[in-house]
Structure formats: structure tokens, C-alpha cells
Amino acid sequence: MVRVNNYNNFSERMSNHKNKSVLSVENFVFQGEGLWNESDDFLRELAIAELDKTGLVRKDMVENTWVVRQTKAYPIIYVGFQEHYELLKSKANQFNNFCMIGRGGHKHNNQDHSIMSGILASCNYLGLKGSPYNLWDISLDD
């Protein structure tokens, strides 16, 4: 596993029980290769074993599991992507009521940049002090 999320930290409404947590265990894989092709049962058991091994969750604590295979969760940067990226930006900029934020909708660098794009988009929408912000300028650092 490469990341564990506790959705109870996102919202108290993510779980019906105060003393239980809703967790996700993420693996980064290529579609059609390796873990992607494993059965749901294999992936469930792997996640539970890894949570147990790290000490985050004992195996006997897990009540329910399910598997989601998310395609294109991250943008792929390849040689020559800039031309396509600029075309995307020019098309998106034609709309005055649309902004691309977050991992898939913006030039994703890291979680902080994704969150910042959402915050600044909200500031733009609300017309708060300092707006409008150019969201395309986020993640321009080397």
C-alpha cells in the first residue's frame, strides 16, 4: 500500500458509527498489469494484511471491504504533453463559469497544490479579496 485515508477525518457523516472508521488503502498500479489483474479477494486480503503489519488495524477489526479500480486517477506527463496541455487550457478558458481544480482537472503537483486550487477557485467564485486568482499559475514551481 502507498496511502491510507481515514474518511472519518473528512466528515463525521462518512461513518454511521462513532467508534468505527472508514479507511481506504491505495495501491498505484498500471491498468492491466500486476495488482490491477488480481482478484478482489486477493486485494482485500493484501490490504488487511498490510494494515495489520503496520499496526494500524488488527485483522480481526475489519468488518467489511470492497475494491474500486480507479482508472486515470493521476494525469500522465509524457514527452510533448505541453502542446495538448495548452490546447486544454485555451478551451477551458473560453468558459467564464468553469474552472479546473484538483488532481484530474488541473496540473497536479501534490495534495497541497490541489487543495490550493480548490481554495482559490472558491475565492474567485465568492469574489473575495485578492480574486480573481489565475489557477493555472498554481504548480508552476520547478
Protein backbone atom coordinates (compact mmCIF):
# COMPACT_ATOMS: atom_id res chain seq x y z
CA MET A 1 0.00 0.00 0.00
CA VAL A 2 1.14 3.53 -0.69
CA ARG A 3 -1.53 5.54 1.09
CA VAL A 4 -4.19 5.05 3.75
CA ASN A 5 -7.07 7.52 4.11
CA ASN A 6 -9.37 7.74 7.11
CA TYR A 7 -12.60 9.19 5.72
CA ASN A 8 -13.90 9.94 9.20
CA ASN A 9 -11.33 12.76 9.19
CA PHE A 10 -13.03 14.23 6.10
CA SER A 11 -16.55 14.28 7.52
CA GLU A 12 -18.29 12.80 10.53
CA ARG A 13 -21.02 11.71 8.13
CA MET A 14 -18.70 9.23 6.40
CA SER A 15 -19.48 6.60 9.02
CA ASN A 16 -22.71 5.75 10.85
CA HIS A 17 -20.77 4.71 13.93
CA LYS A 18 -18.75 6.95 16.26
CA ASN A 19 -16.33 4.16 17.21
CA LYS A 20 -15.63 2.88 13.70
CA SER A 21 -13.59 4.25 10.83
CA VAL A 22 -13.95 4.07 7.08
CA LEU A 23 -10.47 3.55 5.61
CA SER A 24 -9.14 3.28 2.11
CA VAL A 25 -5.91 1.58 1.17
CA GLU A 26 -4.41 2.74 -2.11
CA ASN A 27 -2.01 0.99 -4.46
CA PHE A 28 -0.55 2.72 -7.51
CA VAL A 29 -0.60 0.35 -10.48
CA PHE A 30 -0.92 0.44 -14.23
CA GLN A 31 -4.22 -0.68 -15.70
CA GLY A 32 -3.95 -4.22 -16.99
CA GLU A 33 -0.71 -5.02 -15.15
CA GLY A 34 0.31 -6.58 -11.85
CA LEU A 35 -2.06 -5.88 -8.96
CA TRP A 36 -4.67 -4.48 -11.33
CA ASN A 37 -5.29 -8.02 -12.60
CA GLU A 38 -5.53 -9.63 -9.16
CA SER A 39 -8.90 -10.75 -7.83
CA ASP A 40 -10.89 -8.57 -5.46
CA ASP A 41 -10.40 -11.22 -2.76
CA PHE A 42 -6.62 -11.08 -3.20
CA LEU A 43 -6.62 -7.28 -2.97
CA ARG A 44 -8.82 -7.32 0.14
CA GLU A 45 -6.56 -9.81 1.89
CA LEU A 46 -3.45 -7.85 0.86
CA ALA A 47 -4.86 -4.60 2.25
CA ILE A 48 -5.90 -6.21 5.53
CA ALA A 49 -2.51 -7.92 5.91
CA GLU A 50 -0.64 -4.67 5.25
CA LEU A 51 -2.81 -2.71 7.70
CA ASP A 52 -2.18 -5.42 10.28
CA LYS A 53 1.56 -5.48 9.62
CA THR A 54 1.86 -1.70 10.10
CA GLY A 55 -0.11 -1.90 13.34
CA LEU A 56 -2.80 0.50 12.09
CA VAL A 57 -5.59 -2.10 12.16
CA ARG A 58 -5.72 -5.65 13.50
CA LYS A 59 -7.11 -8.22 11.07
CA ASP A 60 -9.94 -9.10 13.44
CA MET A 61 -11.14 -5.47 13.47
CA VAL A 62 -12.08 -5.38 9.77
CA GLU A 63 -15.83 -5.72 9.25
CA ASN A 64 -16.35 -5.02 5.56
CA THR A 65 -14.29 -4.40 2.44
CA TRP A 66 -14.74 -3.60 -1.21
CA VAL A 67 -12.44 -2.90 -4.11
CA VAL A 68 -12.54 0.02 -6.53
CA ARG A 69 -10.23 0.15 -9.52
CA GLN A 70 -9.90 3.81 -10.47
CA THR A 71 -8.63 4.45 -13.99
CA LYS A 72 -6.70 7.60 -14.79
CA ALA A 73 -6.54 8.73 -11.15
CA TYR A 74 -3.46 10.80 -11.94
CA PRO A 75 -2.55 12.71 -15.06
CA ILE A 76 0.29 11.19 -17.03
CA ILE A 77 3.00 13.57 -18.17
CA TYR A 78 4.72 12.44 -21.34
CA VAL A 79 7.12 13.94 -23.88
CA GLY A 80 5.19 16.54 -25.85
CA PHE A 81 2.33 16.89 -23.34
CA GLN A 82 2.72 20.68 -23.26
CA GLU A 83 1.03 21.17 -26.64
CA HIS A 84 -2.01 19.19 -25.53
CA TYR A 85 -2.00 20.90 -22.15
CA GLU A 86 -2.02 24.36 -23.74
CA LEU A 87 -4.91 23.33 -26.00
CA LEU A 88 -6.83 22.13 -22.95
CA LYS A 89 -6.16 25.39 -21.12
CA SER A 90 -7.29 27.51 -24.07
CA LYS A 91 -10.53 25.55 -24.42
CA ALA A 92 -11.25 25.65 -20.67
CA ASN A 93 -10.54 29.39 -20.54
CA GLN A 94 -13.35 30.02 -23.04
CA PHE A 95 -15.86 29.50 -20.22
CA ASN A 96 -16.31 32.13 -17.54
CA ASN A 97 -18.23 29.82 -15.20
CA PHE A 98 -15.85 26.86 -15.28
CA CYS A 99 -12.54 26.17 -13.58
CA MET A 100 -10.39 23.08 -13.47
CA ILE A 101 -9.24 22.14 -9.98
CA GLY A 102 -7.89 19.14 -8.10
CA ARG A 103 -5.89 16.16 -9.24
CA GLY A 104 -7.52 15.27 -12.53
CA GLY A 105 -8.72 18.70 -13.55
CA HIS A 106 -5.59 20.71 -13.04
CA LYS A 107 -1.85 20.42 -13.38
CA HIS A 108 -1.43 18.14 -10.35
CA ASN A 109 1.80 18.53 -8.43
CA ASN A 110 0.86 17.38 -4.94
CA GLN A 111 -2.02 17.41 -2.50
CA ASP A 112 -1.19 20.92 -1.27
CA HIS A 113 -1.41 22.30 -4.80
CA SER A 114 -4.71 20.52 -5.38
CA ILE A 115 -6.17 21.92 -2.17
CA MET A 116 -4.87 25.40 -3.02
CA SER A 117 -6.55 25.27 -6.42
CA GLY A 118 -9.87 24.47 -4.71
CA ILE A 119 -9.46 27.25 -2.14
CA LEU A 120 -8.55 29.86 -4.75
CA ALA A 121 -11.37 28.70 -7.04
CA SER A 122 -13.75 29.25 -4.11
CA CYS A 123 -12.29 32.72 -3.54
CA ASN A 124 -12.84 33.51 -7.22
CA TYR A 125 -16.42 32.24 -7.07
CA LEU A 126 -17.20 34.28 -3.96
CA GLY A 127 -15.36 37.35 -5.23
CA LEU A 128 -13.20 37.53 -2.10
CA LYS A 129 -10.30 39.91 -1.57
CA GLY A 130 -7.42 39.22 -3.94
CA SER A 131 -9.53 37.49 -6.56
CA PRO A 132 -9.55 36.65 -9.34
CA TYR A 133 -6.68 34.21 -8.99
CA ASN A 134 -5.18 32.55 -12.05
CA LEU A 135 -5.47 28.87 -11.15
CA TRP A 136 -3.15 27.90 -13.99
CA ASP A 137 -0.31 29.59 -12.09
CA ILE A 138 -0.53 27.02 -9.29
CA SER A 139 2.12 24.28 -9.52
CA LEU A 140 4.49 26.27 -11.70
CA ASP A 141 7.39 25.71 -9.32
CA ASP A 142 10.22 23.53 -10.55
